[in-house]
Amino acid sequence: MNILFFGDIVGAQATDCVADLLPGLRAELDVDLIIINAENCAPSGLGMSRKQVEQLLQAGADVITGGNHSWDTQESIDLLAWECVIRPNNVGPGVPGHGVLYVNAGSQQITVLNLADSCAMKSVKIVKDTLHSTYKSWRETEKKGIVIVDYHGDHVLEKQIFAHAVDGEATAVIGTHTHEPTSGLHILPHGTAFVTDAGMIGPAGGVQGFDPACLVAGLKADGNPFSGPMPAVAAGPITGEAILLQIAGSRTTSIRRVSAVPDPAVL
């Protein structure tokens, strides 16, 4: 069983890039399931748009995960009604969307669970006063077969503690949200694969894939980089890698990074 996981995709150009590569990557790597965190795939980089989500699904994505931007726009909220689109599970009833998906691939059942830490979610008004701990959500969620967790969080420490807490129960815990890939790829003692952050697929040279100009201006003017308008998606070249998991039974036997952007030599 091979599962390919993409961290946060930022903007329309990055979506185009991933969609173009997905069919080839699925065939080349013999991939059974593709999971993509697409909470930033809208052209603005904030939330999801129907066009970009459909583009990813038509190219071969099986599951779309999210995070703090899952509720940024009404269009993004509407997409949470789709069965294959999930958002963080550790929120209370009444919040739009669902946080766990059960799928079958390669003759095996797979549970995809989306979680988010409190720091990542602190500015999300729609989940105010409903957020509970990631581990509580883990305990209360029915898990079937292979279990893949998209852990959307700011804190390295919390991601690492959670991964060790579920070692041997989860097949993989893959961190998202910071947009900055971490180099350490781990298989924990009881077979759970872990990476602190998969990193983004998005424009290089900015701030988490966004143009830094108005953020820098706000910081210099009044000490608050977020006092001005929301930044536009950066215009730099698309960069990023995906995570490939090789799984036997419910244990990960191999975790590695694969390029998620075209080879410039063939452009």
Protein backbone atom coordinates (compact mmCIF):
# COMPACT_ATOMS: atom_id res chain seq x y z
CA MET A 1 0.00 0.00 0.00
CA ASN A 2 1.41 3.36 -1.07
CA ILE A 3 -0.10 6.65 0.11
CA LEU A 4 0.97 10.07 -1.21
CA PHE A 5 0.36 13.08 1.04
CA PHE A 6 0.63 16.76 0.04
CA GLY A 7 0.94 19.54 2.61
CA ASP A 8 -0.76 22.94 2.28
CA ILE A 9 -1.25 23.94 -1.38
CA VAL A 10 -1.13 27.74 -1.71
CA GLY A 11 -3.00 29.42 -4.55
CA ALA A 12 -4.15 28.60 -8.06
CA GLN A 13 -0.71 28.28 -9.66
CA ALA A 14 0.36 25.68 -7.12
CA THR A 15 -2.92 23.83 -7.65
CA ASP A 16 -2.28 23.79 -11.41
CA CYS A 17 1.19 22.39 -10.78
CA VAL A 18 0.01 19.58 -8.51
CA ALA A 19 -2.93 18.69 -10.74
CA ASP A 20 -0.64 18.41 -13.75
CA LEU A 21 1.70 16.03 -11.91
CA LEU A 22 -0.80 13.83 -10.06
CA PRO A 23 -1.60 11.29 -12.80
CA GLY A 24 2.08 10.72 -13.53
CA LEU A 25 3.03 10.45 -9.86
CA ARG A 26 0.22 7.97 -9.19
CA ALA A 27 1.43 5.72 -12.01
CA GLU A 28 5.16 6.14 -11.38
CA LEU A 29 4.96 5.53 -7.63
CA ASP A 30 2.14 2.96 -7.77
CA VAL A 31 0.05 5.10 -5.44
CA ASP A 32 -3.16 3.67 -3.94
CA LEU A 33 -4.41 6.83 -2.19
CA ILE A 34 -3.69 10.55 -2.54
CA ILE A 35 -4.39 12.96 0.34
CA ILE A 36 -4.04 16.71 -0.16
CA ASN A 37 -4.31 19.53 2.37
CA ALA A 38 -6.02 22.16 0.22
CA GLU A 39 -7.22 24.74 2.75
CA ASN A 40 -5.16 27.42 0.95
CA CYS A 41 -5.87 26.37 -2.64
CA ALA A 42 -8.20 29.28 -3.53
CA PRO A 43 -6.65 31.91 -5.82
CA SER A 44 -6.40 34.26 -2.80
CA GLY A 45 -4.64 31.55 -0.78
CA LEU A 46 -7.37 31.82 1.87
CA GLY A 47 -9.74 28.88 2.02
CA MET A 48 -10.83 26.59 -0.79
CA SER A 49 -12.53 27.29 -4.08
CA ARG A 50 -14.73 24.85 -5.97
CA LYS A 51 -12.68 25.23 -9.15
CA GLN A 52 -9.40 24.27 -7.50
CA VAL A 53 -10.87 21.43 -5.42
CA GLU A 54 -12.55 19.94 -8.48
CA GLN A 55 -9.29 20.30 -10.38
CA LEU A 56 -7.42 18.29 -7.74
CA LEU A 57 -10.11 15.60 -7.54
CA GLN A 58 -10.30 15.23 -11.30
CA ALA A 59 -6.51 14.85 -11.41
CA GLY A 60 -6.64 11.96 -8.94
CA ALA A 61 -6.80 13.27 -5.38
CA ASP A 62 -8.91 11.03 -3.14
CA VAL A 63 -9.16 13.02 0.11
CA ILE A 64 -8.98 16.78 0.75
CA THR A 65 -7.98 17.84 4.28
CA GLY A 66 -8.00 21.28 5.89
CA GLY A 67 -7.20 23.39 8.92
CA ASN A 68 -7.77 26.88 10.24
CA HIS A 69 -8.63 28.24 6.77
CA SER A 70 -11.34 25.63 6.11
CA TRP A 71 -14.07 28.16 6.99
CA ASP A 72 -12.55 31.33 5.46
CA THR A 73 -15.25 31.90 2.85
CA GLN A 74 -18.80 30.73 2.18
CA GLU A 75 -17.52 28.83 -0.86
CA SER A 76 -15.02 27.03 1.36
CA ILE A 77 -17.74 26.21 3.90
CA ASP A 78 -20.00 24.87 1.15
CA LEU A 79 -17.25 22.49 0.04
CA LEU A 80 -17.17 20.97 3.53
CA ALA A 81 -20.47 19.26 2.67
CA TRP A 82 -18.61 17.09 0.16
CA GLU A 83 -17.85 13.64 1.54
CA CYS A 84 -14.21 13.65 0.41
CA VAL A 85 -13.47 17.10 1.95
CA ILE A 86 -12.72 17.09 5.68
CA ARG A 87 -11.67 19.69 8.25
CA PRO A 88 -10.27 19.45 11.82
CA ASN A 89 -12.30 16.95 13.80
CA ASN A 90 -11.65 18.30 17.31
CA VAL A 91 -14.45 20.87 17.30
CA GLY A 92 -17.91 20.78 18.80
CA PRO A 93 -21.23 19.95 17.16
CA GLY A 94 -22.75 22.54 14.88
CA VAL A 95 -19.50 23.55 13.19
CA PRO A 96 -19.84 22.97 9.42
CA GLY A 97 -18.09 19.95 7.97
CA HIS A 98 -16.78 16.63 9.22
CA GLY A 99 -13.32 15.62 10.37
CA VAL A 100 -12.89 11.94 9.54
CA LEU A 101 -13.29 9.92 6.36
CA TYR A 102 -13.27 6.17 5.77
CA VAL A 103 -12.18 5.08 2.31
CA ASN A 104 -11.24 1.84 0.59
CA ALA A 105 -8.13 1.62 -1.56
CA GLY A 106 -5.93 -1.24 -2.67
CA SER A 107 -8.32 -3.74 -1.02
CA GLN A 108 -7.76 -2.09 2.38
CA GLN A 109 -9.83 0.22 4.54
CA ILE A 110 -8.27 3.56 5.46
CA THR A 111 -9.23 6.14 8.07
CA VAL A 112 -8.16 9.73 7.36
CA LEU A 113 -8.44 11.92 10.46
CA ASN A 114 -7.89 15.69 10.45
CA LEU A 115 -6.88 17.41 13.73
CA ALA A 116 -5.64 20.90 14.64
CA ASP A 117 -3.97 22.38 17.70
CA SER A 118 -5.34 25.35 19.63
CA CYS A 119 -2.64 27.76 18.45
CA ALA A 120 -3.43 27.13 14.78
CA MET A 121 -7.13 27.62 15.45
CA LYS A 122 -7.03 30.58 17.86
CA SER A 123 -8.28 33.15 15.34
CA VAL A 124 -11.01 30.96 13.82
CA LYS A 125 -14.24 32.55 15.08
CA ILE A 126 -16.54 29.78 13.91
CA VAL A 127 -14.93 27.25 16.28
CA LYS A 128 -14.66 29.61 19.27
CA ASP A 129 -15.44 27.84 22.55
CA THR A 130 -15.93 24.50 20.75
CA LEU A 131 -12.33 23.40 20.27
CA HIS A 132 -11.18 20.43 22.34
CA SER A 133 -7.94 18.49 22.59
CA THR A 134 -6.58 16.55 19.67
CA TYR A 135 -6.02 13.48 21.82
CA LYS A 136 -9.61 13.55 23.11
CA SER A 137 -10.79 13.60 19.53
CA TRP A 138 -8.42 10.74 18.70
CA ARG A 139 -9.78 8.62 21.55
CA GLU A 140 -13.41 9.26 20.62
CA THR A 141 -13.04 8.65 16.86
CA GLU A 142 -13.75 5.23 15.43
CA LYS A 143 -10.69 4.06 13.54
CA LYS A 144 -10.73 1.39 10.85
CA GLY A 145 -7.76 -0.24 9.13
CA ILE A 146 -4.88 2.02 8.16
CA VAL A 147 -5.07 5.35 10.04
CA ILE A 148 -3.55 8.53 8.59
CA VAL A 149 -3.65 11.73 10.66
CA ASP A 150 -3.24 15.23 9.21
CA TYR A 151 -2.16 17.16 12.32
CA HIS A 152 -2.56 20.85 11.52
CA GLY A 153 -0.57 22.72 14.14
CA ASP A 154 1.92 25.41 15.06
CA HIS A 155 3.74 23.67 17.89
CA VAL A 156 6.53 21.23 17.13
CA LEU A 157 6.37 19.91 20.68
CA GLU A 158 2.64 19.16 20.55
CA LYS A 159 2.94 17.42 17.20
CA GLN A 160 5.77 15.24 18.44
CA ILE A 161 4.02 14.37 21.72
CA PHE A 162 0.83 13.42 19.88
CA ALA A 163 2.72 11.21 17.44
CA HIS A 164 4.40 9.33 20.28
CA ALA A 165 1.08 9.03 22.11
CA VAL A 166 -0.49 7.21 19.15
CA ASP A 167 2.61 5.26 18.08
CA GLY A 168 1.50 1.77 17.11
CA GLU A 169 -2.13 2.86 16.69
CA ALA A 170 -1.85 5.42 13.89
CA THR A 171 -0.13 4.37 10.69
CA ALA A 172 1.15 7.91 10.12
CA VAL A 173 0.93 11.36 11.68
CA ILE A 174 1.80 14.08 9.17
CA GLY A 175 2.12 17.67 10.35
CA THR A 176 0.79 20.57 8.30
CA HIS A 177 0.14 24.32 8.77
CA THR A 178 3.58 25.97 9.08
CA HIS A 179 4.24 25.70 5.32
CA GLU A 180 7.89 25.04 6.18
CA PRO A 181 9.06 21.46 5.56
CA THR A 182 10.99 19.72 8.32
CA SER A 183 13.85 17.46 7.33
CA GLY A 184 13.30 14.69 9.87
CA LEU A 185 11.25 11.76 8.59
CA HIS A 186 10.63 9.24 11.34
CA ILE A 187 9.26 5.76 11.85
CA LEU A 188 8.58 5.56 15.57
CA PRO A 189 9.36 2.41 17.60
CA HIS A 190 5.92 0.83 17.11
CA GLY A 191 5.59 1.58 13.40
CA THR A 192 3.94 5.00 13.16
CA ALA A 193 5.45 7.29 10.53
CA PHE A 194 5.86 10.92 11.60
CA VAL A 195 6.99 14.19 10.09
CA THR A 196 6.63 17.47 11.98
CA ASP A 197 5.57 19.37 8.86
CA ALA A 198 5.13 18.24 5.29
CA GLY A 199 5.60 21.82 4.08
CA MET A 200 3.63 23.68 1.44
CA ILE A 201 3.35 23.40 -2.30
CA GLY A 202 3.45 27.06 -3.16
CA PRO A 203 5.39 30.10 -4.34
CA ALA A 204 8.92 30.47 -3.02
CA GLY A 205 10.40 33.71 -1.75
CA GLY A 206 7.46 35.01 0.25
CA VAL A 207 5.99 34.48 3.71
CA GLN A 208 4.31 31.08 3.78
CA GLY A 209 3.64 31.51 0.06
CA PHE A 210 2.30 35.07 0.39
CA ASP A 211 3.76 38.39 -0.75
CA PRO A 212 5.55 39.92 2.27
CA ALA A 213 5.14 43.60 1.30
CA CYS A 214 2.03 44.58 3.29
CA LEU A 215 3.06 42.35 6.22
CA VAL A 216 6.43 44.07 6.41
CA ALA A 217 4.78 47.49 6.06
CA GLY A 218 2.46 46.77 8.98
CA LEU A 219 5.32 45.57 11.16
CA LYS A 220 7.38 48.67 10.42
CA ALA A 221 4.48 51.11 10.79
CA ASP A 222 2.91 49.99 14.05
CA GLY A 223 4.54 46.75 15.12
CA ASN A 224 1.64 44.63 13.83
CA PRO A 225 2.23 42.84 10.51
CA PHE A 226 -1.49 42.02 10.28
CA SER A 227 -2.81 45.56 10.67
CA GLY A 228 -3.14 46.09 6.91
CA PRO A 229 -4.91 44.19 4.14
CA MET A 230 -4.44 40.45 3.68
CA PRO A 231 -1.42 39.74 1.49
CA ALA A 232 -1.70 38.40 -2.02
CA VAL A 233 -0.23 35.06 -3.00
CA ALA A 234 3.46 35.50 -3.87
CA ALA A 235 4.62 35.41 -7.47
CA GLY A 236 7.71 33.24 -7.02
CA PRO A 237 8.32 29.85 -8.62
CA ILE A 238 6.34 26.93 -7.18
CA THR A 239 8.28 24.74 -4.80
CA GLY A 240 7.55 21.78 -2.55
CA GLU A 241 7.56 18.05 -1.96
CA ALA A 242 5.02 15.39 -1.08
CA ILE A 243 5.34 12.59 1.47
CA LEU A 244 5.25 9.00 0.21
CA LEU A 245 4.29 6.31 2.71
CA GLN A 246 4.83 2.62 2.04
CA ILE A 247 2.64 0.52 4.31
CA ALA A 248 2.45 -3.18 5.13
CA GLY A 249 -0.61 -4.19 7.11
CA SER A 250 -1.22 -1.13 9.27
CA ARG A 251 2.46 -0.26 9.84
CA THR A 252 4.59 2.11 7.81
CA THR A 253 7.71 0.48 6.42
CA SER A 254 9.09 3.53 4.56
CA ILE A 255 8.59 7.30 4.53
CA ARG A 256 10.28 9.60 2.04
CA ARG A 257 9.86 12.88 0.21
CA VAL A 258 9.18 13.10 -3.52
CA SER A 259 9.27 16.24 -5.66
CA ALA A 260 5.87 17.82 -6.18
CA VAL A 261 6.95 20.36 -8.79
CA PRO A 262 8.01 19.88 -12.42
CA ASP A 263 11.66 19.27 -13.15
CA PRO A 264 12.88 22.60 -14.61
CA ALA A 265 15.08 20.62 -17.00
CA VAL A 266 11.99 19.40 -18.86
CA LEU A 267 10.07 22.68 -18.95
